[in-house]
Each structure stands twice: as structure tokens, then as C-alpha cells.
Amino acid sequence: MKTFVLKKNDIKKKWLLIDAKDAVLGRLAVISANILRGKNKPEYTPNQDCGDNLIIINSDHVHLKGKKSDNKIYYRHTGHPGGIKETTPNKLKEKNKSPEIIKLAIKRMIPSGPLGRKQLSNCKIFPGSDHKHEAQNPEKLDFASLNRKNIA
């Protein structure tokens, strides 16, 4: 029996659309990361970018359970001594950077490295219900019907 190895020419990428309205952030990020990596396909190969392209709309209306919107802290460092900066999801929403909340959650579920950065670039996140990828004819993924806990 031979081991199946996916070639670059055999990869077929689809465009998927997820509506994040009232979606729980962690559950949305897990499903999105699996789609971007290609783990939902039978021909998944860990060293190839075999995942689909993903469009997430209504990122303004994503839901964080419990007190995470106030207590969750995102840290980053400027690279200078004493240059650690922190922010919360509420502060990001006030600055109209709600797509960044979803992007950070997905980024931490994808392996770091060149392949992970390439897979993350296949995710397009929009704050409103309109997006600029209509020409790709994305398939709508019914996120709420996958599990009753997905929607808050």
C-alpha cells in the first residue's frame, strides 16, 4: 500500500463565507483555522497549503463569553526596552479594529512559520455584511447549524 501525497497541482481551493453575527469567538476561530489549514478535507497534507479561502463577515457582532471582553488582554512588544503594549477586545472594538480580534484568535490556532502565515493570508475578515469578493462566488457555510453552542 502506498502513502498518499498531495501534489501542488492537485490542490483545489474553494471560497467559503461565514457570517460571524452572534458567533462565539473561540468556536469561530477553531472552525476557521481548520478550514484554512485544510483539516476538513480527506486529502489533508500537513506540509502543503491545501486549505480553502475564507471570508468572514460581520466581525463587529462577534460574541465573547463571560467577562472576556473586559478581562482578556492582548500583549505586543515594540522591540524597545519597556515597550510592552496591552489592549483588550473592548478597546479594539472602540477603535473599529474588530477584524483584528478574530484574526488574532485564528492566528494562535495555526502553526507559526512560513506555511502558517501563508494559510492565514487566505482569510479575509470584514466588519460589515458587505465584502469585495463576490466575483469568487463563495459558498455560505451555515455556522449556526454545526453546533447549537456556536451562536450566543
N, C-alpha and C. Protein backbone atom coordinates (compact mmCIF):
# COMPACT_ATOMS: atom_id res chain seq x y z
N MET A 1 0.83 -1.18 0.00
CA MET A 1 0.00 0.00 0.00
C MET A 1 0.88 1.24 0.00
N LYS A 2 0.54 2.21 -0.85
CA LYS A 2 1.33 3.42 -0.97
C LYS A 2 0.73 4.54 -0.11
N THR A 3 1.60 5.40 0.35
CA THR A 3 1.16 6.57 1.11
C THR A 3 0.74 7.66 0.14
N PHE A 4 -0.42 8.26 0.39
CA PHE A 4 -0.91 9.33 -0.47
C PHE A 4 -0.20 10.63 -0.14
N VAL A 5 0.34 11.28 -1.16
CA VAL A 5 0.98 12.58 -1.01
C VAL A 5 0.31 13.54 -1.98
N LEU A 6 -0.21 14.62 -1.46
CA LEU A 6 -0.89 15.62 -2.28
C LEU A 6 0.13 16.49 -3.00
N LYS A 7 -0.01 16.61 -4.31
CA LYS A 7 0.88 17.46 -5.11
C LYS A 7 0.28 18.86 -5.19
N LYS A 8 1.12 19.82 -5.47
CA LYS A 8 0.67 21.21 -5.54
C LYS A 8 -0.34 21.41 -6.68
N ASN A 9 -0.19 20.67 -7.76
CA ASN A 9 -1.11 20.79 -8.90
C ASN A 9 -2.49 20.20 -8.61
N ASP A 10 -2.58 19.29 -7.64
CA ASP A 10 -3.84 18.62 -7.32
C ASP A 10 -4.70 19.40 -6.33
N ILE A 11 -4.18 20.49 -5.80
CA ILE A 11 -4.92 21.25 -4.79
C ILE A 11 -6.04 22.04 -5.46
N LYS A 12 -7.25 21.88 -4.93
CA LYS A 12 -8.41 22.63 -5.42
C LYS A 12 -8.95 23.45 -4.26
N LYS A 13 -8.85 24.77 -4.37
CA LYS A 13 -9.30 25.66 -3.30
C LYS A 13 -10.69 26.19 -3.62
N LYS A 14 -11.54 26.19 -2.58
CA LYS A 14 -12.86 26.77 -2.70
C LYS A 14 -12.88 28.07 -1.90
N TRP A 15 -13.92 28.88 -2.11
CA TRP A 15 -14.14 30.08 -1.32
C TRP A 15 -15.34 29.82 -0.43
N LEU A 16 -15.18 30.02 0.88
CA LEU A 16 -16.25 29.82 1.84
C LEU A 16 -16.56 31.14 2.53
N LEU A 17 -17.82 31.34 2.88
CA LEU A 17 -18.28 32.56 3.55
C LEU A 17 -18.90 32.18 4.89
N ILE A 18 -18.46 32.82 5.96
CA ILE A 18 -19.02 32.60 7.29
C ILE A 18 -19.54 33.93 7.81
N ASP A 19 -20.78 33.92 8.30
CA ASP A 19 -21.37 35.09 8.93
C ASP A 19 -21.11 35.00 10.44
N ALA A 20 -20.36 35.96 10.98
CA ALA A 20 -19.95 35.91 12.38
C ALA A 20 -20.93 36.62 13.30
N LYS A 21 -22.12 36.91 12.83
CA LYS A 21 -23.09 37.62 13.67
C LYS A 21 -23.50 36.72 14.84
N ASP A 22 -23.28 37.20 16.07
CA ASP A 22 -23.58 36.49 17.32
C ASP A 22 -22.81 35.18 17.47
N ALA A 23 -21.74 34.99 16.72
CA ALA A 23 -20.94 33.77 16.83
C ALA A 23 -20.00 33.88 18.02
N VAL A 24 -19.76 32.77 18.70
CA VAL A 24 -18.82 32.73 19.81
C VAL A 24 -17.41 32.71 19.21
N LEU A 25 -16.55 33.59 19.70
CA LEU A 25 -15.24 33.82 19.10
C LEU A 25 -14.38 32.55 19.03
N GLY A 26 -14.26 31.82 20.12
CA GLY A 26 -13.39 30.64 20.14
C GLY A 26 -13.85 29.56 19.18
N ARG A 27 -15.15 29.32 19.13
CA ARG A 27 -15.69 28.30 18.23
C ARG A 27 -15.53 28.72 16.77
N LEU A 28 -15.70 30.01 16.50
CA LEU A 28 -15.49 30.52 15.14
C LEU A 28 -14.03 30.36 14.73
N ALA A 29 -13.12 30.64 15.66
CA ALA A 29 -11.70 30.55 15.35
C ALA A 29 -11.26 29.11 15.09
N VAL A 30 -11.79 28.15 15.85
CA VAL A 30 -11.42 26.74 15.66
C VAL A 30 -11.85 26.26 14.28
N ILE A 31 -13.09 26.53 13.92
CA ILE A 31 -13.60 26.09 12.62
C ILE A 31 -12.86 26.79 11.49
N SER A 32 -12.60 28.08 11.66
CA SER A 32 -11.88 28.84 10.63
C SER A 32 -10.45 28.33 10.45
N ALA A 33 -9.76 28.05 11.56
CA ALA A 33 -8.38 27.55 11.47
C ALA A 33 -8.34 26.19 10.77
N ASN A 34 -9.30 25.32 11.06
CA ASN A 34 -9.33 24.02 10.40
C ASN A 34 -9.60 24.14 8.91
N ILE A 35 -10.46 25.07 8.52
CA ILE A 35 -10.74 25.30 7.10
C ILE A 35 -9.49 25.86 6.40
N LEU A 36 -8.83 26.82 7.04
CA LEU A 36 -7.64 27.42 6.43
C LEU A 36 -6.49 26.42 6.29
N ARG A 37 -6.34 25.51 7.23
CA ARG A 37 -5.28 24.50 7.16
C ARG A 37 -5.64 23.36 6.24
N GLY A 38 -6.95 23.14 5.99
CA GLY A 38 -7.37 22.05 5.13
C GLY A 38 -7.68 20.78 5.89
N LYS A 39 -7.80 20.85 7.20
CA LYS A 39 -8.03 19.65 8.00
C LYS A 39 -9.45 19.10 7.85
N ASN A 40 -10.32 19.84 7.18
CA ASN A 40 -11.68 19.34 6.93
C ASN A 40 -11.77 18.54 5.64
N LYS A 41 -10.66 18.36 4.96
CA LYS A 41 -10.64 17.63 3.69
C LYS A 41 -9.98 16.26 3.88
N PRO A 42 -10.41 15.27 3.13
CA PRO A 42 -9.79 13.94 3.26
C PRO A 42 -8.36 13.90 2.73
N GLU A 43 -8.00 14.81 1.84
CA GLU A 43 -6.65 14.79 1.27
C GLU A 43 -5.72 15.77 2.00
N TYR A 44 -5.94 15.99 3.29
CA TYR A 44 -5.13 16.91 4.09
C TYR A 44 -3.67 16.45 4.10
N THR A 45 -2.78 17.39 3.83
CA THR A 45 -1.34 17.14 3.88
C THR A 45 -0.72 18.25 4.72
N PRO A 46 -0.04 17.92 5.81
CA PRO A 46 0.45 18.94 6.74
C PRO A 46 1.45 19.93 6.15
N ASN A 47 2.21 19.52 5.13
CA ASN A 47 3.24 20.41 4.60
C ASN A 47 2.80 21.15 3.35
N GLN A 48 1.52 21.13 3.01
CA GLN A 48 1.00 21.85 1.83
C GLN A 48 -0.09 22.81 2.27
N ASP A 49 -0.24 23.90 1.52
CA ASP A 49 -1.34 24.83 1.76
C ASP A 49 -2.55 24.32 0.99
N CYS A 50 -3.25 23.34 1.57
CA CYS A 50 -4.37 22.71 0.88
C CYS A 50 -5.71 23.19 1.41
N GLY A 51 -5.70 24.21 2.27
CA GLY A 51 -6.94 24.73 2.84
C GLY A 51 -7.68 25.63 1.87
N ASP A 52 -8.92 25.96 2.23
CA ASP A 52 -9.76 26.81 1.39
C ASP A 52 -9.55 28.28 1.74
N ASN A 53 -10.02 29.14 0.86
CA ASN A 53 -10.05 30.57 1.14
C ASN A 53 -11.30 30.87 1.94
N LEU A 54 -11.21 31.78 2.88
CA LEU A 54 -12.29 32.02 3.82
C LEU A 54 -12.62 33.51 3.90
N ILE A 55 -13.90 33.83 3.87
CA ILE A 55 -14.38 35.19 4.04
C ILE A 55 -15.25 35.21 5.28
N ILE A 56 -14.94 36.08 6.23
CA ILE A 56 -15.74 36.22 7.44
C ILE A 56 -16.34 37.62 7.44
N ILE A 57 -17.67 37.70 7.51
CA ILE A 57 -18.35 38.99 7.53
C ILE A 57 -18.98 39.21 8.90
N ASN A 58 -19.37 40.45 9.17
CA ASN A 58 -19.99 40.88 10.43
C ASN A 58 -19.10 40.62 11.63
N SER A 59 -17.82 40.95 11.52
CA SER A 59 -16.91 40.72 12.64
C SER A 59 -17.20 41.68 13.80
N ASP A 60 -17.95 42.76 13.56
CA ASP A 60 -18.33 43.67 14.63
C ASP A 60 -19.25 43.00 15.64
N HIS A 61 -19.99 41.98 15.20
CA HIS A 61 -21.01 41.37 16.04
C HIS A 61 -20.57 40.04 16.65
N VAL A 62 -19.26 39.77 16.68
CA VAL A 62 -18.77 38.53 17.28
C VAL A 62 -18.95 38.63 18.79
N HIS A 63 -19.19 37.48 19.42
CA HIS A 63 -19.55 37.45 20.84
C HIS A 63 -18.44 36.77 21.65
N LEU A 64 -18.07 37.37 22.77
CA LEU A 64 -17.12 36.76 23.69
C LEU A 64 -17.88 36.34 24.94
N LYS A 65 -17.70 35.10 25.36
CA LYS A 65 -18.42 34.57 26.52
C LYS A 65 -17.83 35.11 27.82
N GLY A 66 -18.66 35.19 28.83
CA GLY A 66 -18.22 35.59 30.17
C GLY A 66 -17.71 37.02 30.20
N LYS A 67 -16.62 37.23 30.93
CA LYS A 67 -16.05 38.57 31.10
C LYS A 67 -14.83 38.78 30.22
N LYS A 68 -14.71 37.97 29.16
CA LYS A 68 -13.52 38.04 28.32
C LYS A 68 -13.38 39.39 27.61
N SER A 69 -14.49 40.05 27.30
CA SER A 69 -14.39 41.32 26.58
C SER A 69 -13.68 42.38 27.43
N ASP A 70 -13.71 42.26 28.76
CA ASP A 70 -13.01 43.20 29.63
C ASP A 70 -11.70 42.63 30.16
N ASN A 71 -11.67 41.34 30.50
CA ASN A 71 -10.52 40.76 31.19
C ASN A 71 -9.46 40.19 30.26
N LYS A 72 -9.80 39.85 29.02
CA LYS A 72 -8.82 39.29 28.09
C LYS A 72 -7.87 40.40 27.65
N ILE A 73 -6.59 40.13 27.71
CA ILE A 73 -5.60 41.15 27.36
C ILE A 73 -4.71 40.62 26.25
N TYR A 74 -4.54 41.44 25.20
CA TYR A 74 -3.63 41.13 24.11
C TYR A 74 -2.35 41.94 24.33
N TYR A 75 -1.22 41.25 24.36
CA TYR A 75 0.07 41.92 24.53
C TYR A 75 0.83 41.94 23.22
N ARG A 76 1.60 43.00 23.03
CA ARG A 76 2.55 43.07 21.92
C ARG A 76 3.74 43.88 22.39
N HIS A 77 4.85 43.73 21.73
CA HIS A 77 6.07 44.42 22.14
C HIS A 77 6.61 45.21 20.96
N THR A 78 7.02 46.44 21.23
CA THR A 78 7.51 47.32 20.18
C THR A 78 8.93 46.96 19.75
N GLY A 79 9.66 46.24 20.60
CA GLY A 79 11.04 45.90 20.31
C GLY A 79 12.02 46.79 21.07
N HIS A 80 11.51 47.82 21.70
CA HIS A 80 12.36 48.70 22.50
C HIS A 80 12.25 48.32 23.98
N PRO A 81 13.24 48.65 24.81
CA PRO A 81 13.16 48.33 26.23
C PRO A 81 11.93 48.97 26.87
N GLY A 82 11.19 48.19 27.61
CA GLY A 82 9.98 48.69 28.26
C GLY A 82 8.85 48.96 27.30
N GLY A 83 8.90 48.37 26.12
CA GLY A 83 7.92 48.67 25.08
C GLY A 83 6.76 47.71 24.99
N ILE A 84 6.35 47.11 26.10
CA ILE A 84 5.22 46.18 26.03
C ILE A 84 3.92 47.00 26.04
N LYS A 85 3.04 46.65 25.13
CA LYS A 85 1.75 47.33 25.00
C LYS A 85 0.65 46.31 25.22
N GLU A 86 -0.46 46.74 25.77
CA GLU A 86 -1.58 45.84 26.01
C GLU A 86 -2.88 46.50 25.57
N THR A 87 -3.82 45.67 25.19
CA THR A 87 -5.14 46.15 24.80
C THR A 87 -6.15 45.05 25.09
N THR A 88 -7.42 45.41 25.09
CA THR A 88 -8.50 44.46 25.34
C THR A 88 -9.43 44.43 24.13
N PRO A 89 -10.27 43.40 24.02
CA PRO A 89 -11.22 43.37 22.90
C PRO A 89 -12.16 44.59 22.85
N ASN A 90 -12.56 45.10 24.01
CA ASN A 90 -13.42 46.30 24.03
C ASN A 90 -12.71 47.51 23.44
N LYS A 91 -11.42 47.67 23.76
CA LYS A 91 -10.65 48.79 23.21
C LYS A 91 -10.49 48.64 21.71
N LEU A 92 -10.29 47.42 21.24
CA LEU A 92 -10.16 47.19 19.79
C LEU A 92 -11.47 47.51 19.08
N LYS A 93 -12.60 47.14 19.69
CA LYS A 93 -13.89 47.45 19.06
C LYS A 93 -14.15 48.94 19.02
N GLU A 94 -13.71 49.68 20.05
CA GLU A 94 -13.87 51.13 20.06
C GLU A 94 -13.06 51.79 18.94
N LYS A 95 -11.91 51.20 18.62
CA LYS A 95 -11.05 51.74 17.56
C LYS A 95 -11.42 51.20 16.18
N ASN A 96 -12.58 50.49 16.07
CA ASN A 96 -13.05 49.88 14.81
C ASN A 96 -12.05 48.88 14.26
N LYS A 97 -11.41 48.12 15.15
CA LYS A 97 -10.48 47.06 14.74
C LYS A 97 -11.01 45.69 15.15
N SER A 98 -12.32 45.49 14.99
CA SER A 98 -12.91 44.20 15.37
C SER A 98 -12.41 43.04 14.50
N PRO A 99 -12.05 43.25 13.22
CA PRO A 99 -11.46 42.12 12.48
C PRO A 99 -10.16 41.61 13.11
N GLU A 100 -9.47 42.48 13.82
CA GLU A 100 -8.21 42.10 14.45
C GLU A 100 -8.42 41.08 15.57
N ILE A 101 -9.58 41.14 16.24
CA ILE A 101 -9.88 40.20 17.32
C ILE A 101 -9.97 38.78 16.76
N ILE A 102 -10.70 38.64 15.65
CA ILE A 102 -10.85 37.32 15.02
C ILE A 102 -9.52 36.86 14.43
N LYS A 103 -8.80 37.78 13.80
CA LYS A 103 -7.51 37.44 13.19
C LYS A 103 -6.52 36.92 14.23
N LEU A 104 -6.48 37.55 15.41
CA LEU A 104 -5.57 37.10 16.46
C LEU A 104 -5.97 35.73 16.99
N ALA A 105 -7.28 35.48 17.12
CA ALA A 105 -7.73 34.18 17.62
C ALA A 105 -7.37 33.07 16.64
N ILE A 106 -7.55 33.33 15.34
CA ILE A 106 -7.23 32.32 14.33
C ILE A 106 -5.71 32.13 14.23
N LYS A 107 -4.97 33.22 14.31
CA LYS A 107 -3.51 33.18 14.17
C LYS A 107 -2.88 32.28 15.22
N ARG A 108 -3.44 32.27 16.42
CA ARG A 108 -2.88 31.48 17.51
C ARG A 108 -3.27 30.02 17.43
N MET A 109 -4.16 29.66 16.50
CA MET A 109 -4.54 28.27 16.31
C MET A 109 -3.89 27.65 15.08
N ILE A 110 -3.09 28.44 14.37
CA ILE A 110 -2.37 27.98 13.19
C ILE A 110 -0.88 27.94 13.54
N PRO A 111 -0.15 26.93 13.11
CA PRO A 111 1.28 26.87 13.43
C PRO A 111 2.04 28.09 12.91
N SER A 112 3.00 28.55 13.71
CA SER A 112 3.81 29.68 13.28
C SER A 112 4.83 29.20 12.26
N GLY A 113 5.20 30.08 11.37
CA GLY A 113 6.16 29.74 10.33
C GLY A 113 5.67 30.21 8.98
N PRO A 114 6.44 29.99 7.93
CA PRO A 114 6.06 30.47 6.61
C PRO A 114 4.75 29.88 6.10
N LEU A 115 4.53 28.59 6.32
CA LEU A 115 3.29 27.96 5.85
C LEU A 115 2.07 28.50 6.61
N GLY A 116 2.22 28.69 7.92
CA GLY A 116 1.13 29.22 8.72
C GLY A 116 0.76 30.65 8.31
N ARG A 117 1.76 31.46 7.99
CA ARG A 117 1.50 32.84 7.54
C ARG A 117 0.79 32.84 6.19
N LYS A 118 1.17 31.91 5.31
CA LYS A 118 0.51 31.79 4.01
C LYS A 118 -0.94 31.36 4.18
N GLN A 119 -1.20 30.42 5.08
CA GLN A 119 -2.56 29.96 5.31
C GLN A 119 -3.41 31.06 5.94
N LEU A 120 -2.84 31.85 6.82
CA LEU A 120 -3.59 32.94 7.45
C LEU A 120 -3.92 34.04 6.45
N SER A 121 -3.09 34.20 5.43
CA SER A 121 -3.37 35.22 4.42
C SER A 121 -4.56 34.85 3.54
N ASN A 122 -5.02 33.60 3.60
CA ASN A 122 -6.20 33.18 2.84
C ASN A 122 -7.50 33.53 3.55
N CYS A 123 -7.42 34.18 4.70
CA CYS A 123 -8.60 34.57 5.47
C CYS A 123 -8.84 36.07 5.31
N LYS A 124 -10.01 36.43 4.84
CA LYS A 124 -10.39 37.83 4.66
C LYS A 124 -11.52 38.14 5.63
N ILE A 125 -11.34 39.15 6.47
CA ILE A 125 -12.31 39.48 7.52
C ILE A 125 -12.83 40.90 7.29
N PHE A 126 -14.17 41.05 7.32
CA PHE A 126 -14.80 42.33 7.08
C PHE A 126 -15.72 42.68 8.24
N PRO A 127 -15.73 43.96 8.67
CA PRO A 127 -16.55 44.35 9.82
C PRO A 127 -18.05 44.38 9.52
N GLY A 128 -18.44 44.67 8.30
CA GLY A 128 -19.85 44.74 7.95
C GLY A 128 -20.31 43.51 7.19
N SER A 129 -21.51 43.63 6.62
CA SER A 129 -22.07 42.47 5.92
C SER A 129 -21.69 42.45 4.43
N ASP A 130 -21.04 43.50 3.95
CA ASP A 130 -20.63 43.50 2.54
C ASP A 130 -19.13 43.22 2.44
N HIS A 131 -18.75 42.56 1.35
CA HIS A 131 -17.34 42.22 1.12
C HIS A 131 -17.05 42.39 -0.36
N LYS A 132 -15.77 42.41 -0.70
CA LYS A 132 -15.37 42.69 -2.08
C LYS A 132 -14.98 41.44 -2.86
N HIS A 133 -15.44 40.26 -2.41
CA HIS A 133 -15.09 39.01 -3.07
C HIS A 133 -16.31 38.32 -3.67
N GLU A 134 -17.24 39.08 -4.18
CA GLU A 134 -18.44 38.50 -4.79
C GLU A 134 -18.10 37.72 -6.06
N ALA A 135 -17.06 38.14 -6.77
CA ALA A 135 -16.69 37.50 -8.03
C ALA A 135 -16.23 36.06 -7.84
N GLN A 136 -15.80 35.71 -6.62
CA GLN A 136 -15.33 34.35 -6.37
C GLN A 136 -16.47 33.38 -6.09
N ASN A 137 -17.70 33.87 -6.00
CA ASN A 137 -18.89 33.06 -5.71
C ASN A 137 -18.67 32.15 -4.49
N PRO A 138 -18.50 32.74 -3.30
CA PRO A 138 -18.23 31.91 -2.12
C PRO A 138 -19.46 31.11 -1.70
N GLU A 139 -19.20 29.89 -1.22
CA GLU A 139 -20.28 29.07 -0.66
C GLU A 139 -20.52 29.52 0.77
N LYS A 140 -21.78 29.69 1.15
CA LYS A 140 -22.10 30.11 2.51
C LYS A 140 -22.07 28.90 3.43
N LEU A 141 -21.27 28.97 4.48
CA LEU A 141 -21.18 27.91 5.47
C LEU A 141 -22.12 28.27 6.62
N ASP A 142 -23.10 27.41 6.89
CA ASP A 142 -24.07 27.68 7.95
C ASP A 142 -23.43 27.35 9.30
N PHE A 143 -22.81 28.34 9.89
CA PHE A 143 -22.04 28.17 11.12
C PHE A 143 -22.94 27.81 12.31
N ALA A 144 -24.14 28.37 12.35
CA ALA A 144 -25.05 28.14 13.49
C ALA A 144 -25.55 26.70 13.54
N SER A 145 -25.71 26.06 12.38
CA SER A 145 -26.27 24.70 12.37
C SER A 145 -25.23 23.62 12.70
N LEU A 146 -23.95 23.96 12.73
CA LEU A 146 -22.92 22.97 13.04
C LEU A 146 -23.02 22.51 14.50
N ASN A 147 -23.34 23.44 15.41
CA ASN A 147 -23.48 23.11 16.82
C ASN A 147 -24.32 24.19 17.47
N ARG A 148 -25.19 23.82 18.39
CA ARG A 148 -26.09 24.80 19.00
C ARG A 148 -25.32 25.79 19.89
N LYS A 149 -24.11 25.45 20.30
CA LYS A 149 -23.32 26.35 21.16
C LYS A 149 -22.54 27.38 20.35
N ASN A 150 -22.55 27.28 19.03
CA ASN A 150 -21.77 28.20 18.20
C ASN A 150 -22.32 29.62 18.23
N ILE A 151 -23.62 29.77 18.45
CA ILE A 151 -24.25 31.08 18.47
C ILE A 151 -24.63 31.43 19.90
N ALA A 152 -24.26 32.65 20.32
CA ALA A 152 -24.57 33.08 21.70
C ALA A 152 -25.99 33.58 21.82
